[in-house]
Amino acid sequence: MLGGTPVFRGTRVPFQALLDYLEGGQTLDDFLDECVPRKLKNSFPGHECQTVPEAGFAGKKNGELLYLADRAGFEVFVTVEPWS
């Protein structure tokens, strides 16, 4: 729980976010792909870091995602792929 909101253990990701993704027609893979732990942001001190949802890119993939990042002026774009 975080401030009364149910979250996934060890994260700040609300459980409701998963339900919203699924109800919106997105897949579990979409959810996992876009919910990189925010702790990763702390690994880049002195740099402005945003997650995909924070940047307004939720649901975007591959070329479209890169196009939007370029258009938004990102100098570096880091992605994380889930382990198989």
Foldseek 3Di string as FASTA:
>chain_A
DPPPFDDDPPAPHGPVVVVVCVVVVHDPQLVVQQCDGPVVVVVDPPDDDDTCVRLVNRPDDDPVSVVVCVVVPDPDDDGDHDDD
